[in-house]
All heavy atoms as atom14 arrays in JSON, in Angstrom:
{
  "sequence": "RAGFPEIHYVYEPVAAAYYFAQSLKKDANVLVADFGGGTTDYS",
  "atom14_mask": [
    [1, 1, 1, 1, 1, 1, 1, 1, 1, 1, 1, 0, 0, 0],
    [1, 1, 1, 1, 1, 0, 0, 0, 0, 0, 0, 0, 0, 0],
    [1, 1, 1, 1, 0, 0, 0, 0, 0, 0, 0, 0, 0, 0],
    [1, 1, 1, 1, 1, 1, 1, 1, 1, 1, 1, 0, 0, 0],
    [1, 1, 1, 1, 1, 1, 1, 0, 0, 0, 0, 0, 0, 0],
    [1, 1, 1, 1, 1, 1, 1, 1, 1, 0, 0, 0, 0, 0],
    [1, 1, 1, 1, 1, 1, 1, 1, 0, 0, 0, 0, 0, 0],
    [1, 1, 1, 1, 1, 1, 1, 1, 1, 1, 0, 0, 0, 0],
    [1, 1, 1, 1, 1, 1, 1, 1, 1, 1, 1, 1, 0, 0],
    [1, 1, 1, 1, 1, 1, 1, 0, 0, 0, 0, 0, 0, 0],
    [1, 1, 1, 1, 1, 1, 1, 1, 1, 1, 1, 1, 0, 0],
    [1, 1, 1, 1, 1, 1, 1, 1, 1, 0, 0, 0, 0, 0],
    [1, 1, 1, 1, 1, 1, 1, 0, 0, 0, 0, 0, 0, 0],
    [1, 1, 1, 1, 1, 1, 1, 0, 0, 0, 0, 0, 0, 0],
    [1, 1, 1, 1, 1, 0, 0, 0, 0, 0, 0, 0, 0, 0],
    [1, 1, 1, 1, 1, 0, 0, 0, 0, 0, 0, 0, 0, 0],
    [1, 1, 1, 1, 1, 0, 0, 0, 0, 0, 0, 0, 0, 0],
    [1, 1, 1, 1, 1, 1, 1, 1, 1, 1, 1, 1, 0, 0],
    [1, 1, 1, 1, 1, 1, 1, 1, 1, 1, 1, 1, 0, 0],
    [1, 1, 1, 1, 1, 1, 1, 1, 1, 1, 1, 0, 0, 0],
    [1, 1, 1, 1, 1, 0, 0, 0, 0, 0, 0, 0, 0, 0],
    [1, 1, 1, 1, 1, 1, 1, 1, 1, 0, 0, 0, 0, 0],
    [1, 1, 1, 1, 1, 1, 0, 0, 0, 0, 0, 0, 0, 0],
    [1, 1, 1, 1, 1, 1, 1, 1, 0, 0, 0, 0, 0, 0],
    [1, 1, 1, 1, 1, 1, 1, 1, 1, 0, 0, 0, 0, 0],
    [1, 1, 1, 1, 1, 1, 1, 1, 1, 0, 0, 0, 0, 0],
    [1, 1, 1, 1, 1, 1, 1, 1, 0, 0, 0, 0, 0, 0],
    [1, 1, 1, 1, 1, 0, 0, 0, 0, 0, 0, 0, 0, 0],
    [1, 1, 1, 1, 1, 1, 1, 1, 0, 0, 0, 0, 0, 0],
    [1, 1, 1, 1, 1, 1, 1, 0, 0, 0, 0, 0, 0, 0],
    [1, 1, 1, 1, 1, 1, 1, 1, 0, 0, 0, 0, 0, 0],
    [1, 1, 1, 1, 1, 1, 1, 0, 0, 0, 0, 0, 0, 0],
    [1, 1, 1, 1, 1, 0, 0, 0, 0, 0, 0, 0, 0, 0],
    [1, 1, 1, 1, 1, 1, 1, 1, 0, 0, 0, 0, 0, 0],
    [1, 1, 1, 1, 1, 1, 1, 1, 1, 1, 1, 0, 0, 0],
    [1, 1, 1, 1, 0, 0, 0, 0, 0, 0, 0, 0, 0, 0],
    [1, 1, 1, 1, 0, 0, 0, 0, 0, 0, 0, 0, 0, 0],
    [1, 1, 1, 1, 0, 0, 0, 0, 0, 0, 0, 0, 0, 0],
    [1, 1, 1, 1, 1, 1, 1, 0, 0, 0, 0, 0, 0, 0],
    [1, 1, 1, 1, 1, 1, 1, 0, 0, 0, 0, 0, 0, 0],
    [1, 1, 1, 1, 1, 1, 1, 1, 0, 0, 0, 0, 0, 0],
    [1, 1, 1, 1, 1, 1, 1, 1, 1, 1, 1, 1, 0, 0],
    [1, 1, 1, 1, 1, 1, 0, 0, 0, 0, 0, 0, 0, 0]
  ],
  "atom14_positions": [
    [[-70.71, 83.31, 53.29], [-71.51, 84.53, 53.44], [-70.83, 85.74, 52.81], [-71.46, 86.64, 52.27], [-71.76, 84.82, 54.92], [-72.82, 83.95, 55.56], [-73.19, 84.66, 56.85], [-73.41, 83.81, 57.97], [-73.35, 84.2, 59.24], [-73.02, 85.44, 59.54], [-73.6, 83.36, 60.22], [0.0, 0.0, 0.0], [0.0, 0.0, 0.0], [0.0, 0.0, 0.0]],
    [[-69.48, 85.76, 52.94], [-68.72, 86.91, 52.43], [-68.58, 86.89, 50.92], [-67.96, 87.76, 50.33], [-67.33, 86.96, 53.08], [0.0, 0.0, 0.0], [0.0, 0.0, 0.0], [0.0, 0.0, 0.0], [0.0, 0.0, 0.0], [0.0, 0.0, 0.0], [0.0, 0.0, 0.0], [0.0, 0.0, 0.0], [0.0, 0.0, 0.0], [0.0, 0.0, 0.0]],
    [[-69.16, 85.85, 50.29], [-69.21, 85.83, 48.83], [-68.06, 85.11, 48.16], [-67.81, 85.29, 46.96], [0.0, 0.0, 0.0], [0.0, 0.0, 0.0], [0.0, 0.0, 0.0], [0.0, 0.0, 0.0], [0.0, 0.0, 0.0], [0.0, 0.0, 0.0], [0.0, 0.0, 0.0], [0.0, 0.0, 0.0], [0.0, 0.0, 0.0], [0.0, 0.0, 0.0]],
    [[-67.32, 84.29, 48.91], [-66.23, 83.55, 48.3], [-66.76, 82.3, 47.62], [-67.62, 81.61, 48.17], [-65.18, 83.18, 49.35], [-64.39, 84.35, 49.83], [-64.8, 85.06, 50.94], [-63.27, 84.77, 49.16], [-64.09, 86.17, 51.37], [-62.55, 85.87, 49.58], [-62.96, 86.57, 50.69], [0.0, 0.0, 0.0], [0.0, 0.0, 0.0], [0.0, 0.0, 0.0]],
    [[-66.22, 81.98, 46.46], [-66.75, 80.82, 45.74], [-66.17, 79.5, 46.28], [-66.43, 79.15, 47.42], [-66.33, 81.1, 44.29], [-65.14, 82.02, 44.42], [-65.24, 82.73, 45.73], [0.0, 0.0, 0.0], [0.0, 0.0, 0.0], [0.0, 0.0, 0.0], [0.0, 0.0, 0.0], [0.0, 0.0, 0.0], [0.0, 0.0, 0.0], [0.0, 0.0, 0.0]],
    [[-65.41, 78.8, 45.51], [-64.82, 77.52, 45.89], [-63.75, 77.72, 46.99], [-62.85, 78.55, 46.83], [-64.18, 76.9, 44.64], [-63.66, 75.5, 44.8], [-62.98, 75.04, 43.5], [-63.3, 75.59, 42.43], [-62.14, 74.14, 43.58], [0.0, 0.0, 0.0], [0.0, 0.0, 0.0], [0.0, 0.0, 0.0], [0.0, 0.0, 0.0], [0.0, 0.0, 0.0]],
    [[-63.85, 76.97, 48.08], [-62.96, 77.16, 49.23], [-62.13, 75.9, 49.46], [-62.67, 74.79, 49.51], [-63.77, 77.48, 50.51], [-64.68, 78.7, 50.3], [-62.85, 77.7, 51.7], [-65.79, 78.81, 51.33], [0.0, 0.0, 0.0], [0.0, 0.0, 0.0], [0.0, 0.0, 0.0], [0.0, 0.0, 0.0], [0.0, 0.0, 0.0], [0.0, 0.0, 0.0]],
    [[-60.82, 76.08, 49.6], [-59.92, 75.0, 49.99], [-59.12, 75.45, 51.21], [-58.88, 76.65, 51.39], [-58.94, 74.65, 48.85], [-59.6, 74.18, 47.6], [-59.92, 72.86, 47.37], [-60.01, 74.86, 46.5], [-60.5, 72.74, 46.19], [-60.57, 73.93, 45.63], [0.0, 0.0, 0.0], [0.0, 0.0, 0.0], [0.0, 0.0, 0.0], [0.0, 0.0, 0.0]],
    [[-58.66, 74.47, 52.01], [-57.85, 74.78, 53.19], [-56.48, 74.12, 53.07], [-56.37, 72.96, 52.67], [-58.53, 74.3, 54.47], [-59.83, 75.02, 54.74], [-61.05, 74.44, 54.42], [-59.82, 76.3, 55.28], [-62.24, 75.11, 54.63], [-61.01, 76.99, 55.5], [-62.21, 76.39, 55.17], [-63.38, 77.08, 55.37], [0.0, 0.0, 0.0], [0.0, 0.0, 0.0]],
    [[-55.46, 74.88, 53.42], [-54.09, 74.39, 53.42], [-53.47, 74.75, 54.77], [-53.69, 75.86, 55.28], [-53.28, 75.04, 52.26], [-51.79, 74.71, 52.37], [-53.83, 74.61, 50.91], [0.0, 0.0, 0.0], [0.0, 0.0, 0.0], [0.0, 0.0, 0.0], [0.0, 0.0, 0.0], [0.0, 0.0, 0.0], [0.0, 0.0, 0.0], [0.0, 0.0, 0.0]],
    [[-52.71, 73.81, 55.34], [-52.02, 74.12, 56.59], [-51.12, 75.35, 56.38], [-50.4, 75.44, 55.37], [-51.15, 72.95, 57.05], [-51.91, 71.78, 57.63], [-51.61, 70.47, 57.24], [-52.9, 71.97, 58.58], [-52.28, 69.39, 57.78], [-53.59, 70.89, 59.13], [-53.28, 69.61, 58.72], [-53.95, 68.54, 59.25], [0.0, 0.0, 0.0], [0.0, 0.0, 0.0]],
    [[-51.14, 76.27, 57.33], [-50.35, 77.51, 57.19], [-48.86, 77.24, 56.97], [-48.25, 77.86, 56.1], [-50.6, 78.41, 58.41], [-52.0, 79.02, 58.38], [-52.54, 79.44, 59.71], [-51.85, 79.24, 60.72], [-53.67, 79.97, 59.77], [0.0, 0.0, 0.0], [0.0, 0.0, 0.0], [0.0, 0.0, 0.0], [0.0, 0.0, 0.0], [0.0, 0.0, 0.0]],
    [[-48.23, 76.32, 57.73], [-46.8, 76.09, 57.47], [-46.53, 75.45, 56.12], [-45.45, 75.63, 55.55], [-46.37, 75.16, 58.63], [-47.63, 74.53, 59.11], [-48.71, 75.56, 58.88], [0.0, 0.0, 0.0], [0.0, 0.0, 0.0], [0.0, 0.0, 0.0], [0.0, 0.0, 0.0], [0.0, 0.0, 0.0], [0.0, 0.0, 0.0], [0.0, 0.0, 0.0]],
    [[-47.49, 74.69, 55.57], [-47.33, 74.12, 54.23], [-47.27, 75.25, 53.2], [-46.45, 75.25, 52.28], [-48.47, 73.13, 53.91], [-48.45, 72.73, 52.43], [-48.37, 71.89, 54.8], [0.0, 0.0, 0.0], [0.0, 0.0, 0.0], [0.0, 0.0, 0.0], [0.0, 0.0, 0.0], [0.0, 0.0, 0.0], [0.0, 0.0, 0.0], [0.0, 0.0, 0.0]],
    [[-48.15, 76.25, 53.37], [-48.15, 77.41, 52.46], [-46.83, 78.17, 52.58], [-46.25, 78.57, 51.56], [-49.33, 78.32, 52.79], [0.0, 0.0, 0.0], [0.0, 0.0, 0.0], [0.0, 0.0, 0.0], [0.0, 0.0, 0.0], [0.0, 0.0, 0.0], [0.0, 0.0, 0.0], [0.0, 0.0, 0.0], [0.0, 0.0, 0.0], [0.0, 0.0, 0.0]],
    [[-46.36, 78.36, 53.82], [-45.08, 79.04, 54.02], [-43.95, 78.25, 53.37], [-43.03, 78.82, 52.77], [-44.82, 79.23, 55.51], [0.0, 0.0, 0.0], [0.0, 0.0, 0.0], [0.0, 0.0, 0.0], [0.0, 0.0, 0.0], [0.0, 0.0, 0.0], [0.0, 0.0, 0.0], [0.0, 0.0, 0.0], [0.0, 0.0, 0.0], [0.0, 0.0, 0.0]],
    [[-44.01, 76.91, 53.47], [-42.99, 76.05, 52.86], [-43.0, 76.2, 51.34], [-41.95, 76.26, 50.7], [-43.24, 74.59, 53.24], [0.0, 0.0, 0.0], [0.0, 0.0, 0.0], [0.0, 0.0, 0.0], [0.0, 0.0, 0.0], [0.0, 0.0, 0.0], [0.0, 0.0, 0.0], [0.0, 0.0, 0.0], [0.0, 0.0, 0.0], [0.0, 0.0, 0.0]],
    [[-44.18, 76.25, 50.74], [-44.31, 76.39, 49.3], [-43.69, 77.72, 48.84], [-42.99, 77.77, 47.83], [-45.78, 76.32, 48.89], [-45.99, 76.11, 47.41], [-46.1, 74.83, 46.88], [-46.1, 77.18, 46.54], [-46.31, 74.62, 45.53], [-46.3, 77.0, 45.18], [-46.4, 75.71, 44.68], [-46.59, 75.52, 43.34], [0.0, 0.0, 0.0], [0.0, 0.0, 0.0]],
    [[-43.95, 78.77, 49.6], [-43.37, 80.09, 49.31], [-41.84, 80.01, 49.37], [-41.13, 80.46, 48.47], [-43.91, 81.1, 50.33], [-43.19, 82.43, 50.37], [-43.51, 83.44, 49.46], [-42.19, 82.68, 51.32], [-42.86, 84.67, 49.51], [-41.54, 83.89, 51.37], [-41.87, 84.88, 50.48], [-41.22, 86.1, 50.53], [0.0, 0.0, 0.0], [0.0, 0.0, 0.0]],
    [[-41.34, 79.41, 50.44], [-39.89, 79.29, 50.63], [-39.25, 78.42, 49.55], [-38.16, 78.72, 49.06], [-39.6, 78.7, 52.02], [-38.16, 78.37, 52.26], [-37.22, 79.39, 52.39], [-37.73, 77.05, 52.36], [-35.87, 79.09, 52.61], [-36.4, 76.74, 52.59], [-35.47, 77.77, 52.7], [0.0, 0.0, 0.0], [0.0, 0.0, 0.0], [0.0, 0.0, 0.0]],
    [[-39.95, 77.36, 49.14], [-39.38, 76.4, 48.19], [-39.11, 77.01, 46.82], [-38.3, 76.46, 46.05], [-40.32, 75.2, 48.05], [0.0, 0.0, 0.0], [0.0, 0.0, 0.0], [0.0, 0.0, 0.0], [0.0, 0.0, 0.0], [0.0, 0.0, 0.0], [0.0, 0.0, 0.0], [0.0, 0.0, 0.0], [0.0, 0.0, 0.0], [0.0, 0.0, 0.0]],
    [[-39.76, 78.13, 46.51], [-39.52, 78.77, 45.21], [-38.05, 79.18, 45.06], [-37.55, 79.31, 43.95], [-40.42, 80.01, 45.02], [-41.91, 79.77, 45.24], [-42.51, 78.69, 44.36], [-42.31, 78.67, 43.15], [-43.24, 77.75, 44.98], [0.0, 0.0, 0.0], [0.0, 0.0, 0.0], [0.0, 0.0, 0.0], [0.0, 0.0, 0.0], [0.0, 0.0, 0.0]],
    [[-37.37, 79.39, 46.18], [-35.97, 79.85, 46.12], [-34.97, 78.69, 46.25], [-33.75, 78.92, 46.23], [-35.71, 80.87, 47.24], [-35.9, 80.23, 48.52], [0.0, 0.0, 0.0], [0.0, 0.0, 0.0], [0.0, 0.0, 0.0], [0.0, 0.0, 0.0], [0.0, 0.0, 0.0], [0.0, 0.0, 0.0], [0.0, 0.0, 0.0], [0.0, 0.0, 0.0]],
    [[-35.47, 77.44, 46.38], [-34.55, 76.3, 46.52], [-33.78, 76.06, 45.23], [-34.33, 76.12, 44.13], [-35.33, 75.02, 46.88], [-35.9, 74.94, 48.31], [-36.75, 73.69, 48.44], [-34.78, 74.94, 49.35], [0.0, 0.0, 0.0], [0.0, 0.0, 0.0], [0.0, 0.0, 0.0], [0.0, 0.0, 0.0], [0.0, 0.0, 0.0], [0.0, 0.0, 0.0]],
    [[-32.5, 75.78, 45.37], [-31.66, 75.51, 44.2], [-31.54, 74.01, 43.92], [-31.11, 73.61, 42.85], [-30.24, 76.1, 44.43], [-30.22, 77.61, 44.7], [-30.64, 78.41, 43.48], [-30.41, 79.92, 43.68], [-31.45, 80.53, 44.51], [0.0, 0.0, 0.0], [0.0, 0.0, 0.0], [0.0, 0.0, 0.0], [0.0, 0.0, 0.0], [0.0, 0.0, 0.0]],
    [[-31.9, 73.18, 44.9], [-31.85, 71.72, 44.69], [-32.89, 71.05, 45.57], [-33.49, 71.67, 46.45], [-30.44, 71.2, 45.02], [-29.98, 71.48, 46.45], [-28.56, 70.99, 46.67], [-28.11, 71.25, 48.12], [-26.73, 70.82, 48.36], [0.0, 0.0, 0.0], [0.0, 0.0, 0.0], [0.0, 0.0, 0.0], [0.0, 0.0, 0.0], [0.0, 0.0, 0.0]],
    [[-33.15, 69.78, 45.33], [-34.12, 69.03, 46.11], [-33.74, 69.08, 47.6], [-32.56, 69.06, 47.95], [-34.17, 67.57, 45.64], [-34.63, 67.46, 44.19], [-35.08, 68.49, 43.63], [-34.53, 66.36, 43.61], [0.0, 0.0, 0.0], [0.0, 0.0, 0.0], [0.0, 0.0, 0.0], [0.0, 0.0, 0.0], [0.0, 0.0, 0.0], [0.0, 0.0, 0.0]],
    [[-34.76, 69.14, 48.45], [-34.46, 69.3, 49.87], [-35.61, 68.85, 50.75], [-36.78, 68.93, 50.37], [-34.15, 70.78, 50.16], [0.0, 0.0, 0.0], [0.0, 0.0, 0.0], [0.0, 0.0, 0.0], [0.0, 0.0, 0.0], [0.0, 0.0, 0.0], [0.0, 0.0, 0.0], [0.0, 0.0, 0.0], [0.0, 0.0, 0.0], [0.0, 0.0, 0.0]],
    [[-35.25, 68.37, 51.95], [-36.22, 68.19, 53.04], [-36.28, 69.51, 53.81], [-35.26, 69.98, 54.34], [-35.77, 67.08, 54.0], [-35.78, 65.72, 53.34], [-36.58, 65.46, 52.44], [-34.89, 64.82, 53.77], [0.0, 0.0, 0.0], [0.0, 0.0, 0.0], [0.0, 0.0, 0.0], [0.0, 0.0, 0.0], [0.0, 0.0, 0.0], [0.0, 0.0, 0.0]],
    [[-37.46, 70.11, 53.85], [-37.62, 71.43, 54.48], [-38.54, 71.31, 55.7], [-39.64, 70.77, 55.6], [-38.21, 72.46, 53.48], [-38.42, 73.81, 54.17], [-37.3, 72.62, 52.27], [0.0, 0.0, 0.0], [0.0, 0.0, 0.0], [0.0, 0.0, 0.0], [0.0, 0.0, 0.0], [0.0, 0.0, 0.0], [0.0, 0.0, 0.0], [0.0, 0.0, 0.0]],
    [[-38.05, 71.81, 56.83], [-38.88, 71.93, 58.03], [-39.29, 73.39, 58.17], [-38.44, 74.27, 58.27], [-38.09, 71.49, 59.28], [-38.8, 71.74, 60.63], [-40.02, 70.84, 60.79], [-37.85, 71.55, 61.81], [0.0, 0.0, 0.0], [0.0, 0.0, 0.0], [0.0, 0.0, 0.0], [0.0, 0.0, 0.0], [0.0, 0.0, 0.0], [0.0, 0.0, 0.0]],
    [[-40.58, 73.64, 58.15], [-41.1, 75.0, 58.34], [-41.66, 75.12, 59.74], [-42.46, 74.29, 60.18], [-42.19, 75.35, 57.32], [-42.79, 76.73, 57.61], [-41.63, 75.33, 55.93], [0.0, 0.0, 0.0], [0.0, 0.0, 0.0], [0.0, 0.0, 0.0], [0.0, 0.0, 0.0], [0.0, 0.0, 0.0], [0.0, 0.0, 0.0], [0.0, 0.0, 0.0]],
    [[-41.22, 76.16, 60.44], [-41.77, 76.48, 61.76], [-42.46, 77.84, 61.64], [-41.8, 78.85, 61.38], [-40.66, 76.52, 62.8], [0.0, 0.0, 0.0], [0.0, 0.0, 0.0], [0.0, 0.0, 0.0], [0.0, 0.0, 0.0], [0.0, 0.0, 0.0], [0.0, 0.0, 0.0], [0.0, 0.0, 0.0], [0.0, 0.0, 0.0], [0.0, 0.0, 0.0]],
    [[-43.76, 77.83, 61.81], [-44.56, 79.05, 61.66], [-45.05, 79.49, 63.04], [-45.86, 78.81, 63.67], [-45.73, 78.78, 60.72], [-46.71, 79.95, 60.64], [-46.28, 81.1, 60.84], [-47.91, 79.71, 60.41], [0.0, 0.0, 0.0], [0.0, 0.0, 0.0], [0.0, 0.0, 0.0], [0.0, 0.0, 0.0], [0.0, 0.0, 0.0], [0.0, 0.0, 0.0]],
    [[-44.53, 80.62, 63.5], [-44.87, 81.13, 64.82], [-45.84, 82.29, 64.68], [-45.47, 83.4, 64.29], [-43.6, 81.61, 65.55], [-42.57, 80.54, 65.69], [-41.52, 80.44, 64.78], [-42.65, 79.61, 66.71], [-40.58, 79.44, 64.91], [-41.72, 78.6, 66.83], [-40.68, 78.52, 65.93], [0.0, 0.0, 0.0], [0.0, 0.0, 0.0], [0.0, 0.0, 0.0]],
    [[-47.11, 82.04, 64.99], [-48.12, 83.08, 64.87], [-48.4, 83.73, 66.21], [-47.58, 83.7, 67.14], [0.0, 0.0, 0.0], [0.0, 0.0, 0.0], [0.0, 0.0, 0.0], [0.0, 0.0, 0.0], [0.0, 0.0, 0.0], [0.0, 0.0, 0.0], [0.0, 0.0, 0.0], [0.0, 0.0, 0.0], [0.0, 0.0, 0.0], [0.0, 0.0, 0.0]],
    [[-49.6, 84.33, 66.32], [-50.03, 84.9, 67.59], [-50.61, 83.84, 68.5], [-50.34, 83.81, 69.7], [0.0, 0.0, 0.0], [0.0, 0.0, 0.0], [0.0, 0.0, 0.0], [0.0, 0.0, 0.0], [0.0, 0.0, 0.0], [0.0, 0.0, 0.0], [0.0, 0.0, 0.0], [0.0, 0.0, 0.0], [0.0, 0.0, 0.0], [0.0, 0.0, 0.0]],
    [[-51.43, 82.93, 67.89], [-52.14, 81.94, 68.71], [-51.59, 80.54, 68.64], [-51.82, 79.74, 69.55], [0.0, 0.0, 0.0], [0.0, 0.0, 0.0], [0.0, 0.0, 0.0], [0.0, 0.0, 0.0], [0.0, 0.0, 0.0], [0.0, 0.0, 0.0], [0.0, 0.0, 0.0], [0.0, 0.0, 0.0], [0.0, 0.0, 0.0], [0.0, 0.0, 0.0]],
    [[-50.87, 80.19, 67.55], [-50.4, 78.82, 67.37], [-48.97, 78.78, 66.84], [-48.52, 79.7, 66.17], [-51.3, 78.03, 66.38], [-51.29, 78.69, 65.11], [-52.73, 77.92, 66.89], [0.0, 0.0, 0.0], [0.0, 0.0, 0.0], [0.0, 0.0, 0.0], [0.0, 0.0, 0.0], [0.0, 0.0, 0.0], [0.0, 0.0, 0.0], [0.0, 0.0, 0.0]],
    [[-48.29, 77.67, 67.15], [-47.01, 77.34, 66.54], [-47.23, 76.07, 65.73], [-47.72, 75.07, 66.25], [-45.94, 77.1, 67.61], [-45.72, 78.32, 68.33], [-44.62, 76.65, 66.98], [0.0, 0.0, 0.0], [0.0, 0.0, 0.0], [0.0, 0.0, 0.0], [0.0, 0.0, 0.0], [0.0, 0.0, 0.0], [0.0, 0.0, 0.0], [0.0, 0.0, 0.0]],
    [[-46.87, 76.11, 64.44], [-47.13, 74.99, 63.55], [-45.85, 74.56, 62.84], [-45.06, 75.41, 62.4], [-48.18, 75.37, 62.5], [-49.53, 75.66, 63.14], [-50.04, 74.79, 63.86], [-50.07, 76.76, 62.9], [0.0, 0.0, 0.0], [0.0, 0.0, 0.0], [0.0, 0.0, 0.0], [0.0, 0.0, 0.0], [0.0, 0.0, 0.0], [0.0, 0.0, 0.0]],
    [[-45.69, 73.25, 62.69], [-44.55, 72.7, 61.97], [-45.03, 71.84, 60.81], [-46.02, 71.11, 60.92], [-43.71, 71.78, 62.89], [-43.08, 72.46, 64.08], [-43.68, 72.38, 65.33], [-41.88, 73.15, 63.96], [-43.11, 73.0, 66.43], [-41.3, 73.76, 65.06], [-41.92, 73.69, 66.29], [-41.35, 74.3, 67.38], [0.0, 0.0, 0.0], [0.0, 0.0, 0.0]],
    [[-44.31, 71.94, 59.71], [-44.53, 71.03, 58.58], [-43.18, 70.59, 58.05], [-42.27, 71.42, 57.87], [-45.32, 71.69, 57.45], [-46.69, 71.66, 57.72], [0.0, 0.0, 0.0], [0.0, 0.0, 0.0], [0.0, 0.0, 0.0], [0.0, 0.0, 0.0], [0.0, 0.0, 0.0], [0.0, 0.0, 0.0], [0.0, 0.0, 0.0], [0.0, 0.0, 0.0]]
  ]
}
């Protein structure tokens, strides 16, 4: 309704992990803990 075209959904902690991964210097297993107002999410 708000006029957005193609819509995709990504888990919030996955997005946070992708942001964080830009600064990685080597391959890594990353655990992201995203603490919001309503939910706590891990990826």
